C-alpha atoms as a PDB file:
ATOM      1  CA  UNK A   1     101.014 127.611 109.927  1.00  0.00           C
ATOM      2  CA  UNK A   2      98.993 125.061 108.013  1.00  0.00           C
ATOM      3  CA  UNK A   3      96.753 122.402 109.494  1.00  0.00           C
ATOM      4  CA  UNK A   4      95.841 119.240 107.600  1.00  0.00           C
ATOM      5  CA  UNK A   5      93.115 116.729 108.296  1.00  0.00           C
ATOM      6  CA  UNK A   6      92.956 113.430 106.423  1.00  0.00           C
ATOM      7  CA  UNK A   7      89.969 111.138 106.262  1.00  0.00           C
ATOM      8  CA  UNK A   8      88.659 108.141 104.361  1.00  0.00           C
ATOM      9  CA  UNK A   9      90.937 105.383 105.563  1.00  0.00           C
ATOM     10  CA  UNK A  10      89.716 102.014 106.740  1.00  0.00           C
ATOM     11  CA  UNK A  11      89.615  98.337 105.955  1.00  0.00           C
ATOM     12  CA  UNK A  12      89.275  97.300 102.319  1.00  0.00           C
ATOM     13  CA  UNK A  13      89.382  93.910 100.676  1.00  0.00           C
ATOM     14  CA  UNK A  14      92.100  93.019  98.177  1.00  0.00           C
ATOM     15  CA  UNK A  15      91.175  94.325  94.752  1.00  0.00           C
ATOM     16  CA  UNK A  16      89.030  97.042  96.259  1.00  0.00           C
ATOM     17  CA  UNK A  17      89.162 100.817  95.971  1.00  0.00           C
ATOM     18  CA  UNK A  18      89.343 103.690  98.402  1.00  0.00           C
ATOM     19  CA  UNK A  19      89.238 107.475  98.274  1.00  0.00           C
ATOM     20  CA  UNK A  20      91.103 109.542 100.824  1.00  0.00           C
ATOM     21  CA  UNK A  21      90.588 113.243 101.377  1.00  0.00           C
ATOM     22  CA  UNK A  22      92.720 115.956 102.914  1.00  0.00           C
ATOM     23  CA  UNK A  23      91.533 119.387 103.955  1.00  0.00           C
ATOM     24  CA  UNK A  24      93.992 122.187 104.624  1.00  0.00           C
ATOM     25  CA  UNK A  25      93.471 125.337 106.654  1.00  0.00           C
ATOM     26  CA  UNK A  26      95.610 128.267 107.738  1.00  0.00           C
ATOM     27  CA  UNK A  27      98.220 129.896 105.506  1.00  0.00           C
ATOM     28  CA  UNK A  28      97.138 128.121 102.343  1.00  0.00           C
ATOM     29  CA  UNK A  29      97.027 130.951  99.842  1.00  0.00           C
ATOM     30  CA  UNK A  30     100.712 131.113  99.015  1.00  0.00           C
ATOM     31  CA  UNK A  31     102.088 128.990  96.188  1.00  0.00           C
ATOM     32  CA  UNK A  32     102.103 125.395  97.288  1.00  0.00           C
ATOM     33  CA  UNK A  33     102.076 121.708  96.475  1.00  0.00           C
ATOM     34  CA  UNK A  34      99.864 119.200  98.251  1.00  0.00           C
ATOM     35  CA  UNK A  35     100.881 115.567  98.273  1.00  0.00           C
ATOM     36  CA  UNK A  36     100.150 112.102  99.565  1.00  0.00           C
ATOM     37  CA  UNK A  37     102.687 109.820 101.207  1.00  0.00           C
ATOM     38  CA  UNK A  38     102.346 106.501 102.941  1.00  0.00           C
ATOM     39  CA  UNK A  39     104.293 104.508 105.470  1.00  0.00           C
ATOM     40  CA  UNK A  40     104.049 100.780 105.978  1.00  0.00           C
ATOM     41  CA  UNK A  41     105.200  99.202 109.250  1.00  0.00           C
ATOM     42  CA  UNK A  42     108.986  99.021 109.333  1.00  0.00           C
ATOM     43  CA  UNK A  43     109.358 101.059 106.127  1.00  0.00           C
ATOM     44  CA  UNK A  44     110.281 104.626 105.329  1.00  0.00           C
ATOM     45  CA  UNK A  45     107.654 107.114 104.308  1.00  0.00           C
ATOM     46  CA  UNK A  46     106.985 106.812 100.588  1.00  0.00           C
ATOM     47  CA  UNK A  47     105.843 109.433  98.080  1.00  0.00           C
ATOM     48  CA  UNK A  48     102.661 108.536  96.176  1.00  0.00           C
ATOM     49  CA  UNK A  49     101.459 111.623  94.313  1.00  0.00           C
ATOM     50  CA  UNK A  50     101.305 115.398  94.429  1.00  0.00           C
ATOM     51  CA  UNK A  51      99.379 118.212  92.828  1.00  0.00           C
ATOM     52  CA  UNK A  52     100.311 121.878  92.580  1.00  0.00           C
ATOM     53  CA  UNK A  53      98.024 124.779  93.351  1.00  0.00           C
ATOM     54  CA  UNK A  54      97.515 125.018  89.603  1.00  0.00           C
ATOM     55  CA  UNK A  55      96.360 121.422  89.395  1.00  0.00           C
ATOM     56  CA  UNK A  56      99.472 119.824  87.900  1.00  0.00           C
ATOM     57  CA  UNK A  57      99.842 116.229  89.167  1.00  0.00           C
ATOM     58  CA  UNK A  58     102.908 114.110  89.664  1.00  0.00           C
ATOM     59  CA  UNK A  59     103.111 110.431  90.571  1.00  0.00           C
ATOM     60  CA  UNK A  60     105.585 107.867  91.746  1.00  0.00           C
ATOM     61  CA  UNK A  61     106.406 105.831  88.662  1.00  0.00           C
ATOM     62  CA  UNK A  62     105.367 102.503  90.119  1.00  0.00           C
ATOM     63  CA  UNK A  63     102.001 103.761  91.395  1.00  0.00           C
ATOM     64  CA  UNK A  64     100.635 105.990  88.648  1.00  0.00           C
ATOM     65  CA  UNK A  65      98.383 103.324  87.187  1.00  0.00           C
ATOM     66  CA  UNK A  66      96.507 102.611  90.429  1.00  0.00           C
ATOM     67  CA  UNK A  67      96.461 105.968  92.207  1.00  0.00           C
ATOM     68  CA  UNK A  68      94.802 109.181  91.094  1.00  0.00           C
ATOM     69  CA  UNK A  69      95.275 112.523  92.820  1.00  0.00           C
ATOM     70  CA  UNK A  70      92.753 115.289  92.377  1.00  0.00           C
ATOM     71  CA  UNK A  71      92.741 118.812  93.757  1.00  0.00           C
ATOM     72  CA  UNK A  72      89.258 120.133  94.211  1.00  0.00           C
ATOM     73  CA  UNK A  73      90.220 123.670  95.278  1.00  0.00           C
ATOM     74  CA  UNK A  74      92.759 125.583  97.350  1.00  0.00           C
ATOM     75  CA  UNK A  75      92.027 123.542 100.457  1.00  0.00           C
ATOM     76  CA  UNK A  76      91.118 119.976  99.448  1.00  0.00           C
ATOM     77  CA  UNK A  77      92.802 117.106  97.666  1.00  0.00           C
ATOM     78  CA  UNK A  78      91.755 113.526  97.131  1.00  0.00           C
ATOM     79  CA  UNK A  79      93.587 110.287  96.498  1.00  0.00           C
ATOM     80  CA  UNK A  80      91.691 107.617  94.663  1.00  0.00           C
ATOM     81  CA  UNK A  81      93.308 104.190  94.850  1.00  0.00           C
ATOM     82  CA  UNK A  82      92.263 101.151  92.833  1.00  0.00           C
ATOM     83  CA  UNK A  83      93.030  97.443  92.838  1.00  0.00           C
ATOM     84  CA  UNK A  84      94.490  97.597  96.315  1.00  0.00           C
ATOM     85  CA  UNK A  85      96.659  94.804  97.647  1.00  0.00           C
ATOM     86  CA  UNK A  86      98.101  93.926 101.063  1.00  0.00           C
ATOM     87  CA  UNK A  87     101.279  95.801 100.091  1.00  0.00           C
ATOM     88  CA  UNK A  88      99.243  99.010 100.113  1.00  0.00           C
ATOM     89  CA  UNK A  89      98.545  98.696 103.820  1.00  0.00           C
ATOM     90  CA  UNK A  90      99.933 101.557 105.866  1.00  0.00           C
ATOM     91  CA  UNK A  91      99.333 105.009 107.239  1.00  0.00           C
ATOM     92  CA  UNK A  92      98.582 107.545 104.535  1.00  0.00           C
ATOM     93  CA  UNK A  93      99.712 111.117 105.152  1.00  0.00           C
ATOM     94  CA  UNK A  94      98.816 114.399 103.551  1.00  0.00           C
ATOM     95  CA  UNK A  95     101.618 116.913 103.037  1.00  0.00           C
ATOM     96  CA  UNK A  96     101.469 120.636 102.300  1.00  0.00           C
ATOM     97  CA  UNK A  97     104.590 122.347 101.023  1.00  0.00           C
ATOM     98  CA  UNK A  98     104.845 126.118 100.735  1.00  0.00           C
ATOM     99  CA  UNK A  99     106.783 127.541  97.825  1.00  0.00           C
ATOM    100  CA  UNK A 100     109.465 128.732  97.387  1.00  0.00           C
ATOM    101  CA  UNK A 101     110.516 128.235 100.993  1.00  0.00           C
ATOM    102  CA  UNK A 102     109.795 124.457 100.933  1.00  0.00           C
ATOM    103  CA  UNK A 103     108.412 124.745 104.450  1.00  0.00           C
ATOM    104  CA  UNK A 104     106.088 121.794 104.820  1.00  0.00           C
ATOM    105  CA  UNK A 105     103.396 120.441 107.070  1.00  0.00           C
ATOM    106  CA  UNK A 106     101.962 116.991 107.740  1.00  0.00           C
ATOM    107  CA  UNK A 107      98.597 115.660 108.706  1.00  0.00           C
ATOM    108  CA  UNK A 108      98.118 113.094 111.436  1.00  0.00           C
ATOM    109  CA  UNK A 109      97.655 110.274 108.924  1.00  0.00           C
ATOM    110  CA  UNK A 110      94.839 107.874 108.185  1.00  0.00           C
ATOM    111  CA  UNK A 111      95.198 104.099 108.384  1.00  0.00           C
ATOM    112  CA  UNK A 112      94.499 101.970 105.317  1.00  0.00           C
ATOM    113  CA  UNK A 113      94.387  98.213 105.805  1.00  0.00           C
ATOM    114  CA  UNK A 114      93.986  95.865 102.855  1.00  0.00           C
ATOM    115  CA  UNK A 115      92.937  92.457 104.079  1.00  0.00           C
ATOM    116  CA  UNK A 116      90.278  89.785 103.875  1.00  0.00           C
END
């Protein structure tokens, strides 16, 4: 079992920046990938970025220039987002995927609202 806790969401003005964090606990020492997803109201959950336990990042093509994922250590990843717009509003989720089984876990999500 893996538990995930996200933090850092909130209200930000258009054009602003935000950094989210995710801390994992439990069975985290197997090979894994940690990732960020988001879900806007009425939309499906969308992949943003991921980083392996060796620090290799991957991004959704349309978001790579505004989002930066960073893995501090075995337990913690961050998502830095820049130049946010209303379309970035949604619940941001942290995901932990064990390898090679692909068993994955989700955090409870943190709300990001981009508005004046």
